[in-house]
């Protein structure tokens, strides 16, 4: 499986550094919820990072 880079950007860039992408994900406003032995990451409505995190999860899960 390949990972597509649909990363929301603040300004156009010629290349995206992995450090910047990871920093953006870390500083993302989210809520971690535990329920019935499951962990959930709740994002705000309309979060532009949701497709990126779904792709990362799919690639890491495979």
N, C-alpha and C. Protein backbone atom coordinates (compact mmCIF):
# COMPACT_ATOMS: atom_id res chain seq x y z
N UNK A 1 0.84 -1.18 0.00
CA UNK A 1 0.00 0.00 0.00
C UNK A 1 0.88 1.24 0.00
N UNK A 2 0.42 2.25 -0.66
CA UNK A 2 1.17 3.50 -0.70
C UNK A 2 0.42 4.56 0.07
N UNK A 3 1.15 5.52 0.51
CA UNK A 3 0.59 6.61 1.28
C UNK A 3 0.52 7.84 0.39
N UNK A 4 -0.68 8.37 0.19
CA UNK A 4 -0.81 9.58 -0.60
C UNK A 4 -0.67 10.78 0.32
N UNK A 5 -0.02 11.80 -0.15
CA UNK A 5 0.20 12.99 0.67
C UNK A 5 -0.87 14.03 0.39
N UNK A 6 -1.98 13.92 1.09
CA UNK A 6 -3.04 14.91 1.01
C UNK A 6 -2.95 15.84 2.20
N UNK A 7 -1.75 16.23 2.53
CA UNK A 7 -1.50 17.02 3.72
C UNK A 7 -1.96 18.46 3.49
N UNK A 8 -2.82 18.98 4.39
CA UNK A 8 -3.20 20.38 4.26
C UNK A 8 -1.99 21.27 4.55
N UNK A 9 -1.75 22.21 3.71
CA UNK A 9 -0.57 23.05 3.86
C UNK A 9 -0.98 24.48 4.15
N UNK A 10 -0.13 25.18 4.85
CA UNK A 10 -0.38 26.58 5.18
C UNK A 10 0.00 27.50 4.03
N UNK A 11 1.07 27.15 3.38
CA UNK A 11 1.53 27.92 2.23
C UNK A 11 2.14 26.94 1.23
N UNK A 12 2.16 27.29 -0.04
CA UNK A 12 2.75 26.38 -1.02
C UNK A 12 4.23 26.15 -0.73
N UNK A 13 4.64 24.90 -0.84
CA UNK A 13 6.04 24.55 -0.59
C UNK A 13 6.52 23.62 -1.68
N UNK A 14 7.81 23.64 -1.92
CA UNK A 14 8.35 22.77 -2.94
C UNK A 14 8.55 21.36 -2.41
N UNK A 15 8.82 21.22 -1.13
CA UNK A 15 8.90 19.90 -0.54
C UNK A 15 8.42 19.97 0.90
N UNK A 16 7.85 18.88 1.37
CA UNK A 16 7.36 18.82 2.74
C UNK A 16 8.31 17.97 3.55
N UNK A 17 8.78 18.50 4.63
CA UNK A 17 9.67 17.75 5.51
C UNK A 17 8.84 16.91 6.46
N UNK A 18 9.30 15.71 6.70
CA UNK A 18 8.57 14.80 7.58
C UNK A 18 8.44 15.38 8.98
N UNK A 19 9.44 16.13 9.41
CA UNK A 19 9.39 16.75 10.74
C UNK A 19 8.23 17.73 10.84
N UNK A 20 8.01 18.51 9.80
CA UNK A 20 6.92 19.48 9.80
C UNK A 20 5.57 18.77 9.81
N UNK A 21 5.45 17.69 9.05
CA UNK A 21 4.19 16.94 9.01
C UNK A 21 3.90 16.33 10.38
N UNK A 22 4.91 15.72 11.00
CA UNK A 22 4.72 15.11 12.32
C UNK A 22 4.39 16.18 13.35
N UNK A 23 5.04 17.32 13.29
CA UNK A 23 4.77 18.41 14.23
C UNK A 23 3.34 18.91 14.07
N UNK A 24 2.86 18.99 12.86
CA UNK A 24 1.49 19.44 12.62
C UNK A 24 0.48 18.44 13.18
N UNK A 25 0.78 17.16 13.06
CA UNK A 25 -0.12 16.13 13.59
C UNK A 25 -0.10 16.15 15.12
N UNK A 26 1.08 16.35 15.71
CA UNK A 26 1.18 16.38 17.17
C UNK A 26 0.42 17.55 17.76
N UNK A 27 0.48 18.70 17.11
CA UNK A 27 -0.18 19.90 17.64
C UNK A 27 -1.64 19.99 17.21
N UNK A 28 -2.16 18.95 16.60
CA UNK A 28 -3.55 18.90 16.16
C UNK A 28 -4.47 18.85 17.38
N UNK A 29 -5.51 19.66 17.35
CA UNK A 29 -6.47 19.65 18.45
C UNK A 29 -7.35 18.41 18.33
N UNK A 30 -7.28 17.55 19.32
CA UNK A 30 -8.05 16.31 19.31
C UNK A 30 -8.34 15.88 20.74
N UNK A 31 -9.24 14.95 20.86
CA UNK A 31 -9.59 14.40 22.17
C UNK A 31 -9.45 12.89 22.11
N UNK A 32 -8.71 12.33 23.05
CA UNK A 32 -8.55 10.88 23.13
C UNK A 32 -9.61 10.35 24.08
N UNK A 33 -10.36 9.35 23.60
CA UNK A 33 -11.46 8.77 24.38
C UNK A 33 -11.23 7.27 24.53
N UNK A 34 -11.43 6.76 25.73
CA UNK A 34 -11.37 5.33 25.99
C UNK A 34 -12.78 4.86 26.34
N UNK A 35 -13.23 3.82 25.66
CA UNK A 35 -14.55 3.27 25.94
C UNK A 35 -14.57 1.81 25.51
N UNK A 36 -14.99 0.94 26.38
CA UNK A 36 -15.12 -0.49 26.09
C UNK A 36 -13.83 -1.07 25.52
N UNK A 37 -12.73 -0.79 26.19
CA UNK A 37 -11.40 -1.28 25.79
C UNK A 37 -10.98 -0.84 24.39
N UNK A 38 -11.53 0.24 23.93
CA UNK A 38 -11.16 0.80 22.63
C UNK A 38 -10.65 2.22 22.83
N UNK A 39 -9.73 2.60 22.00
CA UNK A 39 -9.19 3.96 22.04
C UNK A 39 -9.69 4.70 20.81
N UNK A 40 -10.17 5.90 20.99
CA UNK A 40 -10.69 6.70 19.90
C UNK A 40 -10.00 8.06 19.89
N UNK A 41 -9.72 8.55 18.73
CA UNK A 41 -9.17 9.90 18.57
C UNK A 41 -10.25 10.75 17.92
N UNK A 42 -10.79 11.67 18.69
CA UNK A 42 -11.87 12.52 18.20
C UNK A 42 -11.28 13.82 17.65
N UNK A 43 -11.58 14.09 16.40
CA UNK A 43 -11.13 15.33 15.77
C UNK A 43 -12.31 16.28 15.65
N UNK A 44 -12.01 17.55 15.46
CA UNK A 44 -13.07 18.52 15.27
C UNK A 44 -13.77 18.31 13.94
N UNK A 45 -14.95 18.84 13.83
CA UNK A 45 -15.70 18.72 12.57
C UNK A 45 -14.97 19.46 11.47
N UNK A 46 -14.88 18.82 10.33
CA UNK A 46 -14.26 19.45 9.17
C UNK A 46 -12.75 19.56 9.28
N UNK A 47 -12.13 18.68 10.04
CA UNK A 47 -10.68 18.73 10.19
C UNK A 47 -10.00 18.34 8.88
N UNK A 48 -9.09 19.17 8.37
CA UNK A 48 -8.41 18.82 7.12
C UNK A 48 -7.41 17.69 7.30
N UNK A 49 -7.08 17.32 8.53
CA UNK A 49 -6.11 16.25 8.78
C UNK A 49 -6.74 14.87 8.83
N UNK A 50 -8.05 14.78 8.83
CA UNK A 50 -8.71 13.47 8.93
C UNK A 50 -8.31 12.52 7.81
N UNK A 51 -8.32 12.91 6.54
CA UNK A 51 -7.90 11.96 5.50
C UNK A 51 -6.44 11.51 5.64
N UNK A 52 -5.59 12.41 6.12
CA UNK A 52 -4.17 12.07 6.30
C UNK A 52 -4.03 11.01 7.39
N UNK A 53 -4.71 11.19 8.50
CA UNK A 53 -4.63 10.23 9.60
C UNK A 53 -5.25 8.89 9.21
N UNK A 54 -6.31 8.91 8.42
CA UNK A 54 -6.91 7.66 7.95
C UNK A 54 -5.94 6.91 7.05
N UNK A 55 -5.24 7.62 6.17
CA UNK A 55 -4.24 6.98 5.31
C UNK A 55 -3.10 6.40 6.13
N UNK A 56 -2.62 7.15 7.12
CA UNK A 56 -1.54 6.65 7.97
C UNK A 56 -1.97 5.39 8.72
N UNK A 57 -3.18 5.40 9.24
CA UNK A 57 -3.70 4.23 9.97
C UNK A 57 -3.79 3.02 9.05
N UNK A 58 -4.30 3.23 7.84
CA UNK A 58 -4.46 2.13 6.89
C UNK A 58 -3.11 1.53 6.51
N UNK A 59 -2.10 2.39 6.30
CA UNK A 59 -0.78 1.91 5.92
C UNK A 59 -0.11 1.19 7.09
N UNK A 60 -0.22 1.74 8.29
CA UNK A 60 0.42 1.12 9.44
C UNK A 60 -0.29 -0.16 9.86
N UNK A 61 -1.55 -0.26 9.61
CA UNK A 61 -2.33 -1.44 9.99
C UNK A 61 -2.03 -2.64 9.08
N UNK A 62 -1.66 -2.34 7.83
CA UNK A 62 -1.44 -3.42 6.85
C UNK A 62 -0.17 -4.19 7.13
